[in-house]
Amino acid sequence: MHKYLRAIGFSNLIKTKQYNDFLRDIVKNSDERSYTITEDEVVLGEFSKNLSFDKNLDFGITVSGEFDEDDKFMLNYSYPYLAGKGITSFEDVTIERHAAKDSYAGICDDERLGISVIFYLRNMIQYVSAKTADKLPMRGTSLTLSALSVSGNILLPVKKDEEQRQQIAREQAGKRQLIAEAKKGNEDAMETLTLEEMDTYNVISRRIRHEDVYSVVDTFFMPYGVECDLYTVMGEIMEVKKTTNTITNEEIYILTICCNELTFDVCINIIDLFGEPKPGRRFKGVIWIQGYINFPDYK
């Protein structure tokens, strides 16, 4: 079973038969369902069930599979999800199919991070439908990221006055411009970025001898482990909401965090979060990133 079921309120181990019965019930009583036909004329289907008491905070389980010749649904896999809100990025996204199953990973090169963000694609049916209809690449798309976490900590913020905030904003804007130029092949921009990274490393190396690392580093977004869509992050909490799983009655936090200028929602079980989350404080934890591509034709 999926490790991140715990994030949406299933902290106790579920027996395999009980879980399979639950998945069959989701297929019969889903809140959302979608279908498409692939290029090989295979009918795919996805069924999602919202398990939040607050229906405005959509988290739950998605069941994915295909229909056989007798129109019987054959379950391939399932996964927990969090439906994020807002727009995280307008950058172009590249999609690749996973080797082991009919699911997809997305790659987004956002200049605000300086790295490629790899995520698990939530709206696989819409993507396959657009691909089969030969509508890709499609203009006007945007990306909404969300994340699940099974381990997190709340940290106090780093105190900054307005002048410091403006200075940081100017530096970030300058770095984004340099990254954009470096992608175009500008060697001067590449050299400037390299020198800046060396200067940053030297400053941190000096300060960390006398200061706590989390007072020196305000936010970060880094790959975690060997799985490509897992990251360890630290970001400022913008909004905190709490709801309950309708099946287990476990309490769930939905945190909106801003990390390296990217804003997205994180779902975490209250028992897995150390500290009290409040706007202005920081969240630090390991997250599993999901992405939803907002296709204009499907609005």
C-alpha atoms as a PDB file:
ATOM      1  CA  MET A   1       0.000   0.000   0.000  1.00  0.00           C
ATOM      2  CA  HIS A   2       1.078   3.570  -0.595  1.00  0.00           C
ATOM      3  CA  LYS A   3       3.362   5.040   2.075  1.00  0.00           C
ATOM      4  CA  TYR A   4       1.670   8.450   1.875  1.00  0.00           C
ATOM      5  CA  LEU A   5      -1.788   7.152   2.832  1.00  0.00           C
ATOM      6  CA  ARG A   6      -0.681   8.194   6.308  1.00  0.00           C
ATOM      7  CA  ALA A   7      -0.613  11.837   5.212  1.00  0.00           C
ATOM      8  CA  ILE A   8      -4.374  11.842   4.471  1.00  0.00           C
ATOM      9  CA  GLY A   9      -5.387  10.173   7.738  1.00  0.00           C
ATOM     10  CA  PHE A  10      -4.639   6.455   7.489  1.00  0.00           C
ATOM     11  CA  SER A  11      -1.926   6.191  10.147  1.00  0.00           C
ATOM     12  CA  ASN A  12      -3.008   2.705  11.257  1.00  0.00           C
ATOM     13  CA  LEU A  13      -2.079  -0.237   9.043  1.00  0.00           C
ATOM     14  CA  ILE A  14      -4.949  -1.389   6.826  1.00  0.00           C
ATOM     15  CA  LYS A  15      -5.273  -5.062   5.947  1.00  0.00           C
ATOM     16  CA  THR A  16      -4.918  -5.784   2.254  1.00  0.00           C
ATOM     17  CA  LYS A  17      -8.423  -7.241   1.860  1.00  0.00           C
ATOM     18  CA  GLN A  18      -9.975  -4.302   3.728  1.00  0.00           C
ATOM     19  CA  TYR A  19      -8.072  -1.850   1.541  1.00  0.00           C
ATOM     20  CA  ASN A  20      -9.077  -3.622  -1.680  1.00  0.00           C
ATOM     21  CA  ASP A  21     -12.740  -3.544  -0.589  1.00  0.00           C
ATOM     22  CA  PHE A  22     -12.340   0.167   0.098  1.00  0.00           C
ATOM     23  CA  LEU A  23     -10.929   0.753  -3.391  1.00  0.00           C
ATOM     24  CA  ARG A  24     -13.835  -1.084  -4.990  1.00  0.00           C
ATOM     25  CA  ASP A  25     -16.215   1.130  -3.030  1.00  0.00           C
ATOM     26  CA  ILE A  26     -14.404   4.216  -4.363  1.00  0.00           C
ATOM     27  CA  VAL A  27     -14.976   3.002  -7.934  1.00  0.00           C
ATOM     28  CA  LYS A  28     -18.697   2.539  -7.244  1.00  0.00           C
ATOM     29  CA  ASN A  29     -19.201   5.752  -5.242  1.00  0.00           C
ATOM     30  CA  SER A  30     -16.572   8.141  -6.575  1.00  0.00           C
ATOM     31  CA  ASP A  31     -16.907  11.922  -6.397  1.00  0.00           C
ATOM     32  CA  GLU A  32     -15.025  12.390  -9.667  1.00  0.00           C
ATOM     33  CA  ARG A  33     -14.524  10.029 -12.583  1.00  0.00           C
ATOM     34  CA  SER A  34     -12.898  10.410 -15.988  1.00  0.00           C
ATOM     35  CA  TYR A  35     -12.305   8.209 -19.016  1.00  0.00           C
ATOM     36  CA  THR A  36     -10.282   8.253 -22.202  1.00  0.00           C
ATOM     37  CA  ILE A  37      -9.176   5.980 -25.031  1.00  0.00           C
ATOM     38  CA  THR A  38      -5.472   5.593 -25.741  1.00  0.00           C
ATOM     39  CA  GLU A  39      -3.783   5.408 -29.132  1.00  0.00           C
ATOM     40  CA  ASP A  40      -3.886   1.586 -28.746  1.00  0.00           C
ATOM     41  CA  GLU A  41      -7.673   1.787 -28.225  1.00  0.00           C
ATOM     42  CA  VAL A  42      -7.471   0.875 -24.532  1.00  0.00           C
ATOM     43  CA  VAL A  43     -10.154   2.496 -22.362  1.00  0.00           C
ATOM     44  CA  LEU A  44      -8.600   4.042 -19.248  1.00  0.00           C
ATOM     45  CA  GLY A  45     -10.543   5.212 -16.209  1.00  0.00           C
ATOM     46  CA  GLU A  46      -9.837   7.121 -13.011  1.00  0.00           C
ATOM     47  CA  PHE A  47     -12.072   7.363  -9.948  1.00  0.00           C
ATOM     48  CA  SER A  48     -11.431   9.781  -7.058  1.00  0.00           C
ATOM     49  CA  LYS A  49     -13.051  10.049  -3.633  1.00  0.00           C
ATOM     50  CA  ASN A  50     -12.768  13.148  -1.424  1.00  0.00           C
ATOM     51  CA  LEU A  51     -12.206  12.057   2.192  1.00  0.00           C
ATOM     52  CA  SER A  52     -12.220  15.501   3.832  1.00  0.00           C
ATOM     53  CA  PHE A  53     -15.055  16.694   6.066  1.00  0.00           C
ATOM     54  CA  ASP A  54     -14.449  20.149   4.601  1.00  0.00           C
ATOM     55  CA  LYS A  55     -15.322  19.651   0.944  1.00  0.00           C
ATOM     56  CA  ASN A  56     -13.377  22.814   0.054  1.00  0.00           C
ATOM     57  CA  LEU A  57     -10.205  20.988   1.152  1.00  0.00           C
ATOM     58  CA  ASP A  58     -10.037  18.139  -1.325  1.00  0.00           C
ATOM     59  CA  PHE A  59      -7.816  15.202  -0.383  1.00  0.00           C
ATOM     60  CA  GLY A  60      -8.497  11.512  -0.843  1.00  0.00           C
ATOM     61  CA  ILE A  61      -7.663   8.477  -2.957  1.00  0.00           C
ATOM     62  CA  THR A  62      -7.591   8.025  -6.727  1.00  0.00           C
ATOM     63  CA  VAL A  63      -8.069   4.591  -8.323  1.00  0.00           C
ATOM     64  CA  SER A  64      -6.748   4.089 -11.841  1.00  0.00           C
ATOM     65  CA  GLY A  65      -7.173   1.207 -14.268  1.00  0.00           C
ATOM     66  CA  GLU A  66      -8.576   0.070 -17.583  1.00  0.00           C
ATOM     67  CA  PHE A  67     -11.650  -1.674 -18.953  1.00  0.00           C
ATOM     68  CA  ASP A  68     -11.451  -5.132 -20.561  1.00  0.00           C
ATOM     69  CA  GLU A  69     -13.397  -6.460 -23.547  1.00  0.00           C
ATOM     70  CA  ASP A  70     -16.412  -7.188 -21.333  1.00  0.00           C
ATOM     71  CA  ASP A  71     -16.442  -3.585 -20.077  1.00  0.00           C
ATOM     72  CA  LYS A  72     -15.234  -4.712 -16.650  1.00  0.00           C
ATOM     73  CA  PHE A  73     -12.942  -2.325 -14.772  1.00  0.00           C
ATOM     74  CA  MET A  74      -9.508  -3.759 -13.960  1.00  0.00           C
ATOM     75  CA  LEU A  75      -7.705  -1.869 -11.188  1.00  0.00           C
ATOM     76  CA  ASN A  76      -4.058  -1.122 -11.932  1.00  0.00           C
ATOM     77  CA  TYR A  77      -3.004   1.095  -9.027  1.00  0.00           C
ATOM     78  CA  SER A  78      -4.195   3.679  -6.506  1.00  0.00           C
ATOM     79  CA  TYR A  79      -2.613   6.635  -4.756  1.00  0.00           C
ATOM     80  CA  PRO A  80      -3.506   9.319  -2.177  1.00  0.00           C
ATOM     81  CA  TYR A  81      -3.842  12.860  -3.481  1.00  0.00           C
ATOM     82  CA  LEU A  82      -4.198  16.470  -2.412  1.00  0.00           C
ATOM     83  CA  ALA A  83      -5.947  18.865  -4.786  1.00  0.00           C
ATOM     84  CA  GLY A  84      -3.934  22.071  -4.486  1.00  0.00           C
ATOM     85  CA  LYS A  85      -5.289  25.516  -5.171  1.00  0.00           C
ATOM     86  CA  GLY A  86      -3.979  28.452  -7.160  1.00  0.00           C
ATOM     87  CA  ILE A  87      -1.285  28.474  -9.833  1.00  0.00           C
ATOM     88  CA  THR A  88       2.241  27.440  -8.916  1.00  0.00           C
ATOM     89  CA  SER A  89       3.971  27.927 -12.257  1.00  0.00           C
ATOM     90  CA  PHE A  90       3.361  29.014 -15.851  1.00  0.00           C
ATOM     91  CA  GLU A  91       6.545  27.361 -17.136  1.00  0.00           C
ATOM     92  CA  ASP A  92       6.446  24.638 -19.782  1.00  0.00           C
ATOM     93  CA  VAL A  93       6.090  21.062 -18.538  1.00  0.00           C
ATOM     94  CA  THR A  94       7.545  17.874 -20.020  1.00  0.00           C
ATOM     95  CA  ILE A  95       5.674  14.605 -19.373  1.00  0.00           C
ATOM     96  CA  GLU A  96       7.170  11.089 -19.347  1.00  0.00           C
ATOM     97  CA  ARG A  97       5.440   7.759 -18.703  1.00  0.00           C
ATOM     98  CA  HIS A  98       6.639   5.611 -15.796  1.00  0.00           C
ATOM     99  CA  ALA A  99       8.194   2.327 -16.907  1.00  0.00           C
ATOM    100  CA  ALA A 100       6.356   0.043 -14.474  1.00  0.00           C
ATOM    101  CA  LYS A 101       2.764   1.271 -14.835  1.00  0.00           C
ATOM    102  CA  ASP A 102       0.484   3.535 -16.820  1.00  0.00           C
ATOM    103  CA  SER A 103       1.204   6.638 -14.751  1.00  0.00           C
ATOM    104  CA  TYR A 104       3.222   9.726 -15.600  1.00  0.00           C
ATOM    105  CA  ALA A 105       5.885  12.037 -14.218  1.00  0.00           C
ATOM    106  CA  GLY A 106       6.125  15.718 -15.062  1.00  0.00           C
ATOM    107  CA  ILE A 107       9.217  17.905 -15.229  1.00  0.00           C
ATOM    108  CA  CYS A 108       9.028  21.672 -14.793  1.00  0.00           C
ATOM    109  CA  ASP A 109      12.060  23.956 -15.211  1.00  0.00           C
ATOM    110  CA  ASP A 110      11.105  26.933 -13.065  1.00  0.00           C
ATOM    111  CA  GLU A 111      13.729  29.664 -12.962  1.00  0.00           C
ATOM    112  CA  ARG A 112      12.782  30.582  -9.396  1.00  0.00           C
ATOM    113  CA  LEU A 113      14.246  27.285  -8.146  1.00  0.00           C
ATOM    114  CA  GLY A 114      17.172  26.845 -10.480  1.00  0.00           C
ATOM    115  CA  ILE A 115      16.468  23.089 -10.669  1.00  0.00           C
ATOM    116  CA  SER A 116      14.008  20.870 -12.516  1.00  0.00           C
ATOM    117  CA  VAL A 117      11.003  19.971 -10.367  1.00  0.00           C
ATOM    118  CA  ILE A 118       9.834  16.394 -10.997  1.00  0.00           C
ATOM    119  CA  PHE A 119       6.292  15.577  -9.892  1.00  0.00           C
ATOM    120  CA  TYR A 120       3.678  12.829 -10.068  1.00  0.00           C
ATOM    121  CA  LEU A 121       1.010  13.786 -12.619  1.00  0.00           C
ATOM    122  CA  ARG A 122      -2.486  13.792 -11.078  1.00  0.00           C
ATOM    123  CA  ASN A 123      -4.647  14.376 -14.165  1.00  0.00           C
ATOM    124  CA  MET A 124      -3.258  11.542 -16.272  1.00  0.00           C
ATOM    125  CA  ILE A 125      -6.559  11.018 -18.116  1.00  0.00           C
ATOM    126  CA  GLN A 126      -6.647  14.597 -19.410  1.00  0.00           C
ATOM    127  CA  TYR A 127      -3.043  14.365 -20.587  1.00  0.00           C
ATOM    128  CA  VAL A 128      -3.576  11.043 -22.403  1.00  0.00           C
ATOM    129  CA  SER A 129      -6.757  12.411 -23.979  1.00  0.00           C
ATOM    130  CA  ALA A 130      -4.955  15.518 -25.259  1.00  0.00           C
ATOM    131  CA  LYS A 131      -2.057  13.410 -26.531  1.00  0.00           C
ATOM    132  CA  THR A 132      -4.356  10.973 -28.338  1.00  0.00           C
ATOM    133  CA  ALA A 133      -6.208  13.905 -29.940  1.00  0.00           C
ATOM    134  CA  ASP A 134      -2.831  15.313 -31.101  1.00  0.00           C
ATOM    135  CA  LYS A 135      -3.348  18.578 -29.183  1.00  0.00           C
ATOM    136  CA  LEU A 136       0.116  18.652 -27.656  1.00  0.00           C
ATOM    137  CA  PRO A 137       2.038  20.843 -27.156  1.00  0.00           C
ATOM    138  CA  MET A 138      -0.771  23.096 -25.945  1.00  0.00           C
ATOM    139  CA  ARG A 139      -0.480  26.820 -25.264  1.00  0.00           C
ATOM    140  CA  GLY A 140      -1.914  28.535 -22.214  1.00  0.00           C
ATOM    141  CA  THR A 141      -1.367  25.728 -19.719  1.00  0.00           C
ATOM    142  CA  SER A 142      -0.346  26.300 -16.108  1.00  0.00           C
ATOM    143  CA  LEU A 143       0.728  24.021 -13.285  1.00  0.00           C
ATOM    144  CA  THR A 144      -0.711  23.549  -9.785  1.00  0.00           C
ATOM    145  CA  LEU A 145       1.610  21.705  -7.419  1.00  0.00           C
ATOM    146  CA  SER A 146       0.584  20.041  -4.166  1.00  0.00           C
ATOM    147  CA  ALA A 147       2.383  17.715  -1.785  1.00  0.00           C
ATOM    148  CA  LEU A 148       1.907  15.034   0.866  1.00  0.00           C
ATOM    149  CA  SER A 149       4.201  14.661   3.866  1.00  0.00           C
ATOM    150  CA  VAL A 150       4.592  12.052   6.607  1.00  0.00           C
ATOM    151  CA  SER A 151       7.204  13.943   8.619  1.00  0.00           C
ATOM    152  CA  GLY A 152       7.463  17.660   9.304  1.00  0.00           C
ATOM    153  CA  ASN A 153       8.657  20.255  11.806  1.00  0.00           C
ATOM    154  CA  ILE A 154       7.602  23.817  12.521  1.00  0.00           C
ATOM    155  CA  LEU A 155      10.413  26.363  12.856  1.00  0.00           C
ATOM    156  CA  LEU A 156      10.326  29.989  13.960  1.00  0.00           C
ATOM    157  CA  PRO A 157      10.870  32.585  11.224  1.00  0.00           C
ATOM    158  CA  VAL A 158      14.073  34.524  10.567  1.00  0.00           C
ATOM    159  CA  LYS A 159      13.511  38.128  11.553  1.00  0.00           C
ATOM    160  CA  LYS A 160      13.807  40.519   8.601  1.00  0.00           C
ATOM    161  CA  ASP A 161      12.899  44.184   8.270  1.00  0.00           C
ATOM    162  CA  GLU A 162      11.311  45.694   5.154  1.00  0.00           C
ATOM    163  CA  GLU A 163      14.634  46.816   3.686  1.00  0.00           C
ATOM    164  CA  GLN A 164      16.045  43.291   4.000  1.00  0.00           C
ATOM    165  CA  ARG A 165      12.939  41.816   2.338  1.00  0.00           C
ATOM    166  CA  GLN A 166      13.274  44.215  -0.589  1.00  0.00           C
ATOM    167  CA  GLN A 167      16.965  43.415  -0.930  1.00  0.00           C
ATOM    168  CA  ILE A 168      16.214  39.672  -1.016  1.00  0.00           C
ATOM    169  CA  ALA A 169      13.508  40.244  -3.640  1.00  0.00           C
ATOM    170  CA  ARG A 170      15.971  42.205  -5.826  1.00  0.00           C
ATOM    171  CA  GLU A 171      18.608  39.483  -5.498  1.00  0.00           C
ATOM    172  CA  GLN A 172      16.103  36.780  -6.397  1.00  0.00           C
ATOM    173  CA  ALA A 173      14.909  38.717  -9.447  1.00  0.00           C
ATOM    174  CA  GLY A 174      18.523  39.171 -10.553  1.00  0.00           C
ATOM    175  CA  LYS A 175      19.246  35.479 -10.118  1.00  0.00           C
ATOM    176  CA  ARG A 176      16.176  34.492 -12.156  1.00  0.00           C
ATOM    177  CA  GLN A 177      17.385  36.726 -14.982  1.00  0.00           C
ATOM    178  CA  LEU A 178      20.851  35.167 -14.865  1.00  0.00           C
ATOM    179  CA  ILE A 179      19.390  31.634 -14.961  1.00  0.00           C
ATOM    180  CA  ALA A 180      17.255  32.590 -17.958  1.00  0.00           C
ATOM    181  CA  GLU A 181      20.316  33.950 -19.761  1.00  0.00           C
ATOM    182  CA  ALA A 182      22.381  30.892 -18.829  1.00  0.00           C
ATOM    183  CA  LYS A 183      19.733  28.624 -20.374  1.00  0.00           C
ATOM    184  CA  LYS A 184      20.163  30.549 -23.622  1.00  0.00           C
ATOM    185  CA  GLY A 185      23.888  29.810 -23.569  1.00  0.00           C
ATOM    186  CA  ASN A 186      25.182  33.126 -22.175  1.00  0.00           C
ATOM    187  CA  GLU A 187      28.642  32.238 -20.834  1.00  0.00           C
ATOM    188  CA  ASP A 188      28.950  35.455 -18.811  1.00  0.00           C
ATOM    189  CA  ALA A 189      25.708  34.591 -16.985  1.00  0.00           C
ATOM    190  CA  MET A 190      27.013  31.076 -16.284  1.00  0.00           C
ATOM    191  CA  GLU A 191      30.236  32.467 -14.866  1.00  0.00           C
ATOM    192  CA  THR A 192      28.388  35.018 -12.713  1.00  0.00           C
ATOM    193  CA  LEU A 193      26.112  32.301 -11.308  1.00  0.00           C
ATOM    194  CA  THR A 194      29.122  30.112 -10.497  1.00  0.00           C
ATOM    195  CA  LEU A 195      30.888  32.976  -8.688  1.00  0.00           C
ATOM    196  CA  GLU A 196      27.729  33.826  -6.753  1.00  0.00           C
ATOM    197  CA  GLU A 197      27.371  30.217  -5.627  1.00  0.00           C
ATOM    198  CA  MET A 198      30.976  30.212  -4.444  1.00  0.00           C
ATOM    199  CA  ASP A 199      30.441  33.485  -2.535  1.00  0.00           C
ATOM    200  CA  THR A 200      27.277  32.087  -0.929  1.00  0.00           C
ATOM    201  CA  TYR A 201      29.110  28.924   0.105  1.00  0.00           C
ATOM    202  CA  ASN A 202      31.918  30.962   1.699  1.00  0.00           C
ATOM    203  CA  VAL A 203      29.483  33.217   3.589  1.00  0.00           C
ATOM    204  CA  ILE A 204      27.508  30.252   4.929  1.00  0.00           C
ATOM    205  CA  SER A 205      30.705  28.410   5.893  1.00  0.00           C
ATOM    206  CA  ARG A 206      31.803  31.397   8.015  1.00  0.00           C
ATOM    207  CA  ARG A 207      28.420  32.108   9.627  1.00  0.00           C
ATOM    208  CA  ILE A 208      27.581  28.501  10.432  1.00  0.00           C
ATOM    209  CA  ARG A 209      30.489  28.358  12.900  1.00  0.00           C
ATOM    210  CA  HIS A 210      28.653  30.734  15.222  1.00  0.00           C
ATOM    211  CA  GLU A 211      25.001  30.555  14.135  1.00  0.00           C
ATOM    212  CA  ASP A 212      22.331  27.882  13.801  1.00  0.00           C
ATOM    213  CA  VAL A 213      21.989  26.623  10.223  1.00  0.00           C
ATOM    214  CA  TYR A 214      18.261  27.464  10.106  1.00  0.00           C
ATOM    215  CA  SER A 215      18.938  31.091  10.976  1.00  0.00           C
ATOM    216  CA  VAL A 216      21.393  31.293   8.074  1.00  0.00           C
ATOM    217  CA  VAL A 217      19.269  29.359   5.539  1.00  0.00           C
ATOM    218  CA  ASP A 218      15.783  30.844   5.323  1.00  0.00           C
ATOM    219  CA  THR A 219      14.274  28.463   2.751  1.00  0.00           C
ATOM    220  CA  PHE A 220      15.375  25.575   0.532  1.00  0.00           C
ATOM    221  CA  PHE A 221      14.030  23.038  -1.987  1.00  0.00           C
ATOM    222  CA  MET A 222      16.235  19.969  -2.549  1.00  0.00           C
ATOM    223  CA  PRO A 223      15.833  16.435  -3.967  1.00  0.00           C
ATOM    224  CA  TYR A 224      15.516  13.742  -1.316  1.00  0.00           C
ATOM    225  CA  GLY A 225      16.636  10.121  -1.561  1.00  0.00           C
ATOM    226  CA  VAL A 226      16.621   8.086  -4.769  1.00  0.00           C
ATOM    227  CA  GLU A 227      12.997   8.677  -5.819  1.00  0.00           C
ATOM    228  CA  CYS A 228      12.801  11.564  -8.257  1.00  0.00           C
ATOM    229  CA  ASP A 229       9.552  13.157  -6.968  1.00  0.00           C
ATOM    230  CA  LEU A 230      10.573  13.332  -3.299  1.00  0.00           C
ATOM    231  CA  TYR A 231      12.021  16.573  -1.918  1.00  0.00           C
ATOM    232  CA  THR A 232      13.086  18.009   1.382  1.00  0.00           C
ATOM    233  CA  VAL A 233      11.847  21.573   1.720  1.00  0.00           C
ATOM    234  CA  MET A 234      11.692  24.486   4.110  1.00  0.00           C
ATOM    235  CA  GLY A 235       9.352  27.367   3.414  1.00  0.00           C
ATOM    236  CA  GLU A 236       7.273  30.077   5.017  1.00  0.00           C
ATOM    237  CA  ILE A 237       3.734  29.138   6.032  1.00  0.00           C
ATOM    238  CA  MET A 238       1.246  31.454   4.356  1.00  0.00           C
ATOM    239  CA  GLU A 239      -2.016  29.819   5.478  1.00  0.00           C
ATOM    240  CA  VAL A 240      -3.086  27.014   7.841  1.00  0.00           C
ATOM    241  CA  LYS A 241      -6.284  24.981   7.613  1.00  0.00           C
ATOM    242  CA  LYS A 242      -7.346  21.904   9.564  1.00  0.00           C
ATOM    243  CA  THR A 243      -9.861  19.247   8.604  1.00  0.00           C
ATOM    244  CA  THR A 244     -10.709  15.612   9.383  1.00  0.00           C
ATOM    245  CA  ASN A 245     -10.651  12.329   7.476  1.00  0.00           C
ATOM    246  CA  THR A 246     -14.264  11.133   7.085  1.00  0.00           C
ATOM    247  CA  ILE A 247     -13.260   7.461   7.495  1.00  0.00           C
ATOM    248  CA  THR A 248     -10.727   7.489  10.339  1.00  0.00           C
ATOM    249  CA  ASN A 249     -11.572  10.849  12.007  1.00  0.00           C
ATOM    250  CA  GLU A 250      -7.855  11.681  12.102  1.00  0.00           C
ATOM    251  CA  GLU A 251      -7.072  15.395  11.946  1.00  0.00           C
ATOM    252  CA  ILE A 252      -5.208  16.717   8.915  1.00  0.00           C
ATOM    253  CA  TYR A 253      -3.356  19.999   8.361  1.00  0.00           C
ATOM    254  CA  ILE A 254      -3.371  21.678   4.943  1.00  0.00           C
ATOM    255  CA  LEU A 255      -0.481  24.148   4.915  1.00  0.00           C
ATOM    256  CA  THR A 256       0.061  26.687   2.153  1.00  0.00           C
ATOM    257  CA  ILE A 257       3.797  27.332   2.036  1.00  0.00           C
ATOM    258  CA  CYS A 258       6.048  29.596  -0.012  1.00  0.00           C
ATOM    259  CA  CYS A 259       9.371  27.934  -0.777  1.00  0.00           C
ATOM    260  CA  ASN A 260      11.931  29.666  -3.016  1.00  0.00           C
ATOM    261  CA  GLU A 261       9.083  31.828  -4.366  1.00  0.00           C
ATOM    262  CA  LEU A 262       6.964  28.772  -5.269  1.00  0.00           C
ATOM    263  CA  THR A 263       3.612  28.574  -3.467  1.00  0.00           C
ATOM    264  CA  PHE A 264       1.860  25.225  -3.006  1.00  0.00           C
ATOM    265  CA  ASP A 265      -0.216  23.253  -0.483  1.00  0.00           C
ATOM    266  CA  VAL A 266       1.112  20.487   1.765  1.00  0.00           C
ATOM    267  CA  CYS A 267      -1.085  17.847   3.431  1.00  0.00           C
ATOM    268  CA  ILE A 268       0.186  16.244   6.649  1.00  0.00           C
ATOM    269  CA  ASN A 269      -1.342  14.203   9.460  1.00  0.00           C
ATOM    270  CA  ILE A 270      -1.459  16.177  12.710  1.00  0.00           C
ATOM    271  CA  ILE A 271       0.391  13.366  14.525  1.00  0.00           C
ATOM    272  CA  ASP A 272       3.314  13.649  12.093  1.00  0.00           C
ATOM    273  CA  LEU A 273       3.845  17.396  12.502  1.00  0.00           C
ATOM    274  CA  PHE A 274       6.080  18.527  15.360  1.00  0.00           C
ATOM    275  CA  GLY A 275       5.129  22.017  16.497  1.00  0.00           C
ATOM    276  CA  GLU A 276       2.169  24.340  16.016  1.00  0.00           C
ATOM    277  CA  PRO A 277       1.810  25.728  12.491  1.00  0.00           C
ATOM    278  CA  LYS A 278       0.975  29.419  12.158  1.00  0.00           C
ATOM    279  CA  PRO A 279       1.325  31.916   9.291  1.00  0.00           C
ATOM    280  CA  GLY A 280       4.816  33.411   9.332  1.00  0.00           C
ATOM    281  CA  ARG A 281       6.445  30.345  10.817  1.00  0.00           C
ATOM    282  CA  ARG A 282       8.342  27.868   8.662  1.00  0.00           C
ATOM    283  CA  PHE A 283       7.575  24.287   7.660  1.00  0.00           C
ATOM    284  CA  LYS A 284      10.461  21.850   7.190  1.00  0.00           C
ATOM    285  CA  GLY A 285       9.874  18.315   5.985  1.00  0.00           C
ATOM    286  CA  VAL A 286      10.086  15.649   3.306  1.00  0.00           C
ATOM    287  CA  ILE A 287       7.329  15.880   0.714  1.00  0.00           C
ATOM    288  CA  TRP A 288       5.986  13.852  -2.207  1.00  0.00           C
ATOM    289  CA  ILE A 289       5.209  16.316  -5.009  1.00  0.00           C
ATOM    290  CA  GLN A 290       2.109  16.000  -7.191  1.00  0.00           C
ATOM    291  CA  GLY A 291       1.175  18.187 -10.134  1.00  0.00           C
ATOM    292  CA  TYR A 292      -2.041  19.057 -11.957  1.00  0.00           C
ATOM    293  CA  ILE A 293      -1.717  20.573 -15.434  1.00  0.00           C
ATOM    294  CA  ASN A 294      -4.487  23.101 -16.082  1.00  0.00           C
ATOM    295  CA  PHE A 295      -5.396  22.461 -19.712  1.00  0.00           C
ATOM    296  CA  PRO A 296      -7.433  25.342 -21.190  1.00  0.00           C
ATOM    297  CA  ASP A 297      -9.685  23.012 -23.203  1.00  0.00           C
ATOM    298  CA  TYR A 298     -10.783  21.162 -20.100  1.00  0.00           C
ATOM    299  CA  LYS A 299     -11.959  24.106 -17.994  1.00  0.00           C
END
